[in-house]
Amino acid sequence: MKLYTRTIPQILPDWATMATQSAGLFEVEMSNPNLHQLLEIAQTLISLIATHRDYKQLLDEGYSPDLNIADAQTALTYLQWEIDRNREPSV
């Protein structure tokens, strides 16, 4: 699986195997991350978006979508709960 981004941290996360740069984008190879890892990545990205100054400026200018950042975070949280519930042994 590959992820494309404009920036990457100096130290790649353990799920990233390689990063190359081309045409202003980094291509990051992902080493078969499990669903839990993908959810963590998604939650982190959504949190970064929510606190980004450009996003905050859009909100200040009246941007108000039907679904917002909190809705996305909630959806990911519900998915995580479902994954955790399915991992619990049956009683």
C-alpha atoms as a PDB file:
ATOM      1  CA  MET A   1       0.000   0.000   0.000  1.00  0.00           C
ATOM      2  CA  LYS A   2       1.270   3.479  -0.784  1.00  0.00           C
ATOM      3  CA  LEU A   3       0.593   6.841   0.792  1.00  0.00           C
ATOM      4  CA  TYR A   4       1.347  10.157  -0.907  1.00  0.00           C
ATOM      5  CA  THR A   5       2.105  13.262   1.110  1.00  0.00           C
ATOM      6  CA  ARG A   6       3.838  16.612   0.770  1.00  0.00           C
ATOM      7  CA  THR A   7       5.765  16.251   4.014  1.00  0.00           C
ATOM      8  CA  ILE A   8       7.027  13.395   6.153  1.00  0.00           C
ATOM      9  CA  PRO A   9       8.635  13.259   9.591  1.00  0.00           C
ATOM     10  CA  GLN A  10      12.394  12.825   9.754  1.00  0.00           C
ATOM     11  CA  ILE A  11      11.923   9.444  11.404  1.00  0.00           C
ATOM     12  CA  LEU A  12       9.392   7.278   9.621  1.00  0.00           C
ATOM     13  CA  PRO A  13       6.810   5.369  11.664  1.00  0.00           C
ATOM     14  CA  ASP A  14       7.372   1.632  11.971  1.00  0.00           C
ATOM     15  CA  TRP A  15       4.627   0.882   9.420  1.00  0.00           C
ATOM     16  CA  ALA A  16       6.491   2.793   6.714  1.00  0.00           C
ATOM     17  CA  THR A  17       9.163   0.855   4.879  1.00  0.00           C
ATOM     18  CA  MET A  18      10.463   3.428   2.414  1.00  0.00           C
ATOM     19  CA  ALA A  19       9.900   6.962   1.215  1.00  0.00           C
ATOM     20  CA  THR A  20      10.880   8.465  -2.117  1.00  0.00           C
ATOM     21  CA  GLN A  21      10.339  11.986  -3.382  1.00  0.00           C
ATOM     22  CA  SER A  22       9.131  12.857  -6.857  1.00  0.00           C
ATOM     23  CA  ALA A  23       7.313  15.873  -8.303  1.00  0.00           C
ATOM     24  CA  GLY A  24       7.018  17.518  -4.898  1.00  0.00           C
ATOM     25  CA  LEU A  25       5.370  14.514  -3.238  1.00  0.00           C
ATOM     26  CA  PHE A  26       6.725  11.799  -0.997  1.00  0.00           C
ATOM     27  CA  GLU A  27       5.650   8.267  -1.799  1.00  0.00           C
ATOM     28  CA  VAL A  28       5.614   6.206   1.377  1.00  0.00           C
ATOM     29  CA  GLU A  29       5.433   2.441   1.148  1.00  0.00           C
ATOM     30  CA  MET A  30       3.305   0.957   3.894  1.00  0.00           C
ATOM     31  CA  SER A  31       4.201  -2.514   5.100  1.00  0.00           C
ATOM     32  CA  ASN A  32       0.763  -4.109   5.332  1.00  0.00           C
ATOM     33  CA  PRO A  33      -0.587  -2.036   8.218  1.00  0.00           C
ATOM     34  CA  ASN A  34      -3.435  -3.627  10.116  1.00  0.00           C
ATOM     35  CA  LEU A  35      -6.777  -1.874  10.514  1.00  0.00           C
ATOM     36  CA  HIS A  36      -5.885  -0.658  14.004  1.00  0.00           C
ATOM     37  CA  GLN A  37      -2.749   1.063  12.667  1.00  0.00           C
ATOM     38  CA  LEU A  38      -4.723   2.656   9.840  1.00  0.00           C
ATOM     39  CA  LEU A  39      -7.270   4.001  12.322  1.00  0.00           C
ATOM     40  CA  GLU A  40      -4.498   5.517  14.433  1.00  0.00           C
ATOM     41  CA  ILE A  41      -3.020   7.174  11.344  1.00  0.00           C
ATOM     42  CA  ALA A  42      -6.425   8.491  10.277  1.00  0.00           C
ATOM     43  CA  GLN A  43      -7.173   9.870  13.761  1.00  0.00           C
ATOM     44  CA  THR A  44      -3.797  11.604  13.840  1.00  0.00           C
ATOM     45  CA  LEU A  45      -4.329  13.158  10.413  1.00  0.00           C
ATOM     46  CA  ILE A  46      -7.829  14.345  11.302  1.00  0.00           C
ATOM     47  CA  SER A  47      -6.511  15.919  14.506  1.00  0.00           C
ATOM     48  CA  LEU A  48      -3.812  17.722  12.536  1.00  0.00           C
ATOM     49  CA  ILE A  49      -6.410  19.011  10.084  1.00  0.00           C
ATOM     50  CA  ALA A  50      -8.682  20.202  12.900  1.00  0.00           C
ATOM     51  CA  THR A  51      -5.893  22.284  14.431  1.00  0.00           C
ATOM     52  CA  HIS A  52      -4.385  23.547  11.169  1.00  0.00           C
ATOM     53  CA  ARG A  53      -4.487  27.313  10.745  1.00  0.00           C
ATOM     54  CA  ASP A  54      -5.814  27.074   7.168  1.00  0.00           C
ATOM     55  CA  TYR A  55      -8.709  24.895   8.317  1.00  0.00           C
ATOM     56  CA  LYS A  56      -9.452  27.273  11.181  1.00  0.00           C
ATOM     57  CA  GLN A  57      -9.414  30.173   8.723  1.00  0.00           C
ATOM     58  CA  LEU A  58     -11.957  28.388   6.534  1.00  0.00           C
ATOM     59  CA  LEU A  59     -14.210  27.966   9.570  1.00  0.00           C
ATOM     60  CA  ASP A  60     -13.806  31.642  10.454  1.00  0.00           C
ATOM     61  CA  GLU A  61     -14.817  32.526   6.885  1.00  0.00           C
ATOM     62  CA  GLY A  62     -18.051  30.594   7.245  1.00  0.00           C
ATOM     63  CA  TYR A  63     -17.143  27.100   6.033  1.00  0.00           C
ATOM     64  CA  SER A  64     -19.738  24.769   7.537  1.00  0.00           C
ATOM     65  CA  PRO A  65     -20.095  21.395   5.818  1.00  0.00           C
ATOM     66  CA  ASP A  66     -22.968  19.032   6.622  1.00  0.00           C
ATOM     67  CA  LEU A  67     -20.411  16.611   8.050  1.00  0.00           C
ATOM     68  CA  ASN A  68     -17.420  17.979   9.917  1.00  0.00           C
ATOM     69  CA  ILE A  69     -14.156  16.927  11.541  1.00  0.00           C
ATOM     70  CA  ALA A  70     -15.940  15.801  14.703  1.00  0.00           C
ATOM     71  CA  ASP A  71     -18.189  13.530  12.621  1.00  0.00           C
ATOM     72  CA  ALA A  72     -15.135  11.929  11.028  1.00  0.00           C
ATOM     73  CA  GLN A  73     -13.496  11.420  14.421  1.00  0.00           C
ATOM     74  CA  THR A  74     -16.693   9.894  15.783  1.00  0.00           C
ATOM     75  CA  ALA A  75     -16.975   7.493  12.838  1.00  0.00           C
ATOM     76  CA  LEU A  76     -13.407   6.303  13.396  1.00  0.00           C
ATOM     77  CA  THR A  77     -14.026   5.930  17.135  1.00  0.00           C
ATOM     78  CA  TYR A  78     -17.116   3.783  16.478  1.00  0.00           C
ATOM     79  CA  LEU A  79     -15.094   1.630  14.102  1.00  0.00           C
ATOM     80  CA  GLN A  80     -12.369   1.217  16.733  1.00  0.00           C
ATOM     81  CA  TRP A  81     -14.962   0.218  19.330  1.00  0.00           C
ATOM     82  CA  GLU A  82     -16.369  -2.391  16.959  1.00  0.00           C
ATOM     83  CA  ILE A  83     -12.905  -3.810  16.295  1.00  0.00           C
ATOM     84  CA  ASP A  84     -12.161  -3.922  20.035  1.00  0.00           C
ATOM     85  CA  ARG A  85     -15.536  -5.543  20.786  1.00  0.00           C
ATOM     86  CA  ASN A  86     -14.883  -8.254  18.200  1.00  0.00           C
ATOM     87  CA  ARG A  87     -11.448  -8.978  19.711  1.00  0.00           C
ATOM     88  CA  GLU A  88     -12.897  -9.646  23.176  1.00  0.00           C
ATOM     89  CA  PRO A  89     -13.310 -13.326  23.978  1.00  0.00           C
ATOM     90  CA  SER A  90     -16.893 -14.550  24.253  1.00  0.00           C
ATOM     91  CA  VAL A  91     -18.085 -15.222  27.798  1.00  0.00           C
END
